[in-house]
N, C-alpha and C. Protein backbone atom coordinates (compact mmCIF):
# COMPACT_ATOMS: atom_id res chain seq x y z
N MET A 1 138.82 255.36 219.96
CA MET A 1 140.00 254.82 219.58
C MET A 1 141.24 255.57 219.52
N ILE A 2 142.61 255.61 219.41
CA ILE A 2 143.57 256.00 219.72
C ILE A 2 144.15 256.58 218.03
N LYS A 3 144.27 257.88 218.04
CA LYS A 3 144.35 257.80 216.72
C LYS A 3 146.01 257.71 216.36
N GLY A 4 146.48 256.92 214.90
CA GLY A 4 147.42 256.00 214.54
C GLY A 4 147.25 254.60 215.23
N LEU A 5 147.01 253.97 215.97
CA LEU A 5 147.06 252.80 216.66
C LEU A 5 146.60 251.76 215.46
N PRO A 6 145.81 251.75 214.78
CA PRO A 6 145.12 250.45 214.01
C PRO A 6 146.46 250.42 213.19
N GLN A 7 147.22 251.79 212.45
CA GLN A 7 148.28 251.76 211.45
C GLN A 7 149.37 251.24 212.03
N LYS A 8 149.62 251.67 213.27
CA LYS A 8 150.57 250.88 213.65
C LYS A 8 151.01 249.98 213.67
N LEU A 9 149.84 248.93 214.09
CA LEU A 9 150.06 247.41 214.98
C LEU A 9 150.03 246.85 213.50
N LYS A 10 149.15 247.44 212.53
CA LYS A 10 149.41 246.61 211.16
C LYS A 10 150.69 246.65 210.64
N MET A 11 151.45 247.99 211.16
CA MET A 11 152.69 247.94 210.63
C MET A 11 153.34 246.84 211.10
N LEU A 12 153.63 247.33 212.50
CA LEU A 12 154.50 246.04 213.26
C LEU A 12 154.25 244.81 213.27
N ARG A 13 152.87 244.61 213.05
CA ARG A 13 152.46 243.22 212.71
C ARG A 13 153.75 242.36 211.58
N LEU A 14 153.32 243.50 210.54
CA LEU A 14 154.28 243.09 208.96
C LEU A 14 155.21 243.11 209.04
N LYS A 15 155.85 243.84 209.80
CA LYS A 15 157.25 243.99 209.72
C LYS A 15 158.02 242.94 210.51
N TYR A 16 157.46 242.28 211.33
CA TYR A 16 157.58 240.57 212.09
C TYR A 16 157.04 239.80 211.66
N ASN A 17 156.60 239.76 210.44
CA ASN A 17 156.17 238.74 209.65
C ASN A 17 155.13 237.82 210.42
N LEU A 18 154.05 238.22 210.86
CA LEU A 18 153.44 237.93 212.01
C LEU A 18 151.90 237.79 211.11
N SER A 19 151.41 236.81 211.31
CA SER A 19 149.71 236.93 210.68
C SER A 19 148.56 237.13 212.39
N GLN A 20 147.35 237.42 211.94
CA GLN A 20 146.67 238.04 212.75
C GLN A 20 146.56 236.72 213.83
N LYS A 21 146.12 235.49 213.28
CA LYS A 21 146.28 234.53 213.86
C LYS A 21 147.23 234.42 214.94
N GLU A 22 148.65 234.50 214.32
CA GLU A 22 149.84 234.42 215.68
C GLU A 22 149.75 235.39 216.55
N VAL A 23 149.08 236.71 216.75
CA VAL A 23 149.28 237.59 217.19
C VAL A 23 147.91 237.49 218.20
N ALA A 24 147.29 236.98 217.58
CA ALA A 24 146.10 236.79 218.54
C ALA A 24 146.29 235.61 219.72
N ASN A 25 147.16 234.36 218.48
CA ASN A 25 147.57 233.36 219.93
C ASN A 25 148.36 233.74 221.05
N LYS A 26 149.00 234.91 220.89
CA LYS A 26 150.10 235.07 221.51
C LYS A 26 149.71 236.00 222.66
N LEU A 27 148.28 236.50 222.24
CA LEU A 27 147.44 237.50 223.29
C LEU A 27 146.34 236.67 223.74
N CYS A 28 146.28 235.44 223.55
CA CYS A 28 144.97 234.54 224.14
C CYS A 28 143.85 235.36 223.60
N VAL A 29 143.76 236.02 222.80
CA VAL A 29 142.37 236.54 222.33
C VAL A 29 141.92 235.94 220.49
N SER A 30 140.75 236.25 220.39
CA SER A 30 140.38 235.96 218.55
C SER A 30 141.10 236.72 217.83
N SER A 31 141.23 236.05 216.81
CA SER A 31 141.75 237.32 215.69
C SER A 31 140.94 237.72 215.23
N SER A 32 139.68 237.86 215.47
CA SER A 32 138.73 239.21 214.86
C SER A 32 139.41 239.92 215.72
N ILE A 33 139.61 239.75 217.02
CA ILE A 33 139.98 240.88 217.97
C ILE A 33 140.93 241.59 217.37
N ILE A 34 141.83 240.99 216.55
CA ILE A 34 143.60 241.82 216.29
C ILE A 34 142.45 242.59 215.33
N SER A 35 142.27 241.98 214.63
CA SER A 35 141.33 242.63 213.02
C SER A 35 140.90 244.25 213.59
N GLY A 36 139.96 243.74 214.89
CA GLY A 36 139.49 245.34 214.68
C GLY A 36 140.34 246.24 215.29
N TYR A 37 141.13 245.60 216.27
CA TYR A 37 142.59 246.66 216.86
C TYR A 37 143.00 247.24 215.10
N GLU A 38 143.48 246.30 214.37
CA GLU A 38 143.87 246.93 213.23
C GLU A 38 143.21 247.78 212.18
N THR A 39 142.15 247.46 212.55
CA THR A 39 141.04 248.32 211.64
C THR A 39 140.47 249.94 212.30
N GLY A 40 140.52 250.14 213.47
CA GLY A 40 140.16 250.80 214.49
C GLY A 40 138.92 250.59 215.18
N GLU A 41 137.91 249.57 214.85
CA GLU A 41 136.63 248.68 215.77
C GLU A 41 136.64 248.82 216.88
N ARG A 42 137.89 248.20 217.22
CA ARG A 42 138.18 248.22 219.02
C ARG A 42 139.71 248.78 219.01
N THR A 43 139.42 248.84 220.84
CA THR A 43 140.88 249.29 221.48
C THR A 43 141.32 248.81 222.25
N PRO A 44 142.64 247.98 222.52
CA PRO A 44 143.18 247.36 223.10
C PRO A 44 142.81 247.35 224.79
N SER A 45 142.92 246.36 225.51
CA SER A 45 142.88 246.95 226.94
C SER A 45 144.40 247.48 227.25
N THR A 46 144.39 247.50 228.28
CA THR A 46 145.53 248.24 229.15
C THR A 46 146.95 247.09 228.90
N GLU A 47 146.15 246.14 229.25
CA GLU A 47 147.11 244.66 229.63
C GLU A 47 146.97 244.23 228.33
N ASN A 48 146.03 244.51 227.00
CA ASN A 48 146.50 244.02 225.50
C ASN A 48 147.66 245.41 225.08
N ILE A 49 147.90 246.16 225.74
CA ILE A 49 148.73 247.46 224.51
C ILE A 49 150.02 246.88 225.18
N LEU A 50 150.07 246.45 226.57
CA LEU A 50 151.55 246.57 227.20
C LEU A 50 152.09 244.85 226.28
N ALA A 51 151.31 244.13 226.32
CA ALA A 51 152.06 242.47 225.23
C ALA A 51 151.70 243.01 224.29
N LEU A 52 150.88 243.61 223.49
CA LEU A 52 151.61 244.41 222.04
C LEU A 52 152.91 244.84 222.01
N SER A 53 153.01 245.87 222.99
CA SER A 53 154.45 246.33 223.36
C SER A 53 155.59 245.44 223.14
N HIS A 54 155.33 243.94 223.63
CA HIS A 54 156.52 243.25 224.24
C HIS A 54 156.30 242.86 222.75
N LEU A 55 155.36 242.13 222.98
CA LEU A 55 155.33 241.53 221.31
C LEU A 55 156.57 241.56 220.02
N TYR A 56 156.15 243.63 220.06
CA TYR A 56 156.50 243.86 218.38
C TYR A 56 158.01 244.91 219.52
N HIS A 57 158.51 244.84 220.81
CA HIS A 57 159.52 245.57 221.21
C HIS A 57 159.86 246.65 220.82
N CYS A 58 158.32 247.42 221.35
CA CYS A 58 158.63 248.91 221.73
C CYS A 58 157.71 249.42 222.76
N THR A 59 157.52 250.84 222.28
CA THR A 59 157.17 251.48 223.98
C THR A 59 155.99 251.86 224.40
N THR A 60 155.00 251.42 225.13
CA THR A 60 153.79 251.93 224.83
C THR A 60 153.28 253.44 224.75
N ASP A 61 154.29 254.21 224.97
CA ASP A 61 153.86 255.47 224.41
C ASP A 61 154.30 255.62 222.94
N TYR A 62 154.39 255.04 222.12
CA TYR A 62 154.57 254.89 220.44
C TYR A 62 153.60 254.29 220.23
N LEU A 63 152.81 253.01 221.02
CA LEU A 63 151.70 252.50 220.91
C LEU A 63 150.40 253.37 220.73
N LEU A 64 150.76 254.42 222.03
CA LEU A 64 149.48 255.08 222.24
C LEU A 64 150.10 256.79 221.16
N GLY A 65 150.73 256.98 220.78
CA GLY A 65 151.01 258.40 220.36
C GLY A 65 151.58 259.27 221.01
N ASN A 66 152.60 259.03 222.08
CA ASN A 66 153.11 259.97 223.08
C ASN A 66 154.45 260.21 222.07
N ASN A 67 154.56 261.03 221.58
CA ASN A 67 155.83 261.55 220.85
C ASN A 67 157.04 262.09 221.81
N ILE A 68 156.94 262.24 222.56
CA ILE A 68 158.11 262.24 223.46
C ILE A 68 159.88 262.05 223.20
N GLN A 69 160.44 263.10 222.37
CA GLN A 69 161.56 262.30 222.28
C GLN A 69 162.73 262.11 223.67
N THR A 70 163.13 261.15 223.35
CA THR A 70 164.43 260.87 224.42
C THR A 70 165.82 260.71 223.86
N THR A 71 166.70 261.15 224.03
CA THR A 71 167.81 261.00 224.26
C THR A 71 168.52 259.41 224.13
N GLY A 72 167.88 258.89 225.07
CA GLY A 72 168.53 257.52 225.92
C GLY A 72 168.24 256.71 224.90
N ILE A 73 168.68 254.83 225.01
CA ILE A 73 167.98 254.19 224.29
C ILE A 73 168.50 252.89 225.24
N ILE A 74 166.98 252.49 224.53
CA ILE A 74 166.04 251.74 225.65
C ILE A 74 167.10 250.06 225.18
N LEU A 75 167.32 249.68 226.67
CA LEU A 75 168.13 248.01 226.32
C LEU A 75 166.79 247.05 226.72
N ASP A 76 167.37 246.08 226.18
CA ASP A 76 166.36 244.67 226.59
C ASP A 76 167.06 244.05 227.81
N THR A 77 167.34 243.97 228.44
CA THR A 77 167.65 243.63 229.74
C THR A 77 166.87 241.85 230.06
N THR A 78 166.26 241.48 229.29
CA THR A 78 165.31 240.18 229.99
C THR A 78 166.30 239.28 229.87
N GLY A 79 166.65 238.48 231.17
CA GLY A 79 166.98 237.33 230.73
C GLY A 79 168.28 237.19 231.75
N LEU A 80 168.84 238.63 231.78
CA LEU A 80 170.10 238.85 232.39
C LEU A 80 169.94 238.98 233.87
N SER A 81 171.09 238.37 234.39
CA SER A 81 171.03 237.86 235.95
C SER A 81 171.75 239.13 236.28
N ASP A 82 171.43 239.40 238.10
CA ASP A 82 171.87 240.65 238.25
C ASP A 82 172.79 240.88 238.39
N LYS A 83 173.74 239.94 238.64
CA LYS A 83 175.84 239.86 238.37
C LYS A 83 175.73 240.78 236.84
N GLN A 84 175.13 240.37 235.86
CA GLN A 84 174.67 240.70 234.23
C GLN A 84 174.96 242.16 234.06
N LEU A 85 173.40 242.42 234.84
CA LEU A 85 173.32 243.93 234.70
C LEU A 85 173.88 244.85 235.87
N HIS A 86 174.72 244.09 236.82
CA HIS A 86 175.62 245.37 237.58
C HIS A 86 176.87 245.31 236.32
N ALA A 87 177.14 244.32 235.54
CA ALA A 87 178.03 244.64 235.02
C ALA A 87 178.19 245.39 233.95
N LEU A 88 176.91 245.41 233.11
CA LEU A 88 177.04 246.31 231.99
C LEU A 88 176.34 247.68 232.62
N GLN A 89 175.64 247.96 233.67
CA GLN A 89 175.57 249.37 234.30
C GLN A 89 177.14 249.61 234.46
N SER A 90 178.10 248.93 235.49
CA SER A 90 179.03 249.73 235.36
C SER A 90 179.96 249.81 234.06
N LEU A 91 179.57 248.99 232.89
CA LEU A 91 180.43 249.61 231.47
C LEU A 91 180.02 250.55 231.15
N ILE A 92 178.67 250.80 231.32
CA ILE A 92 177.76 252.31 230.74
C ILE A 92 178.79 253.41 231.68
N GLU A 93 178.63 253.31 232.93
CA GLU A 93 179.04 254.61 233.53
C GLU A 93 180.67 254.63 233.59
N THR A 94 181.19 253.54 232.80
CA THR A 94 182.38 253.89 232.90
C THR A 94 183.03 254.35 231.05
N MET A 95 182.14 254.13 229.98
CA MET A 95 181.58 254.41 228.98
C MET A 95 181.42 256.30 229.44
N LYS A 96 180.91 256.38 230.02
CA LYS A 96 180.34 258.21 230.24
C LYS A 96 181.79 259.18 230.35
């Protein structure tokens, strides 16, 4: 078991107003698997840790308890074209 993971998973699920069944459907597992993650009876696979981090918009480091402090901000650029990404990068460099 990963220390603090069950509590984080339950807190994040509730934050996003999802049921265990909804999370299970998104991860293509059974509700009992999600329940096991939240009670600490089961430990998610690497693939499911990654899927949960995407679902809950957090880092895998956060889920795994890595408390490294970062000074940067993580931006979700999913869906942006290469042109849009370049424009965003240029804007950030201009603002520095």
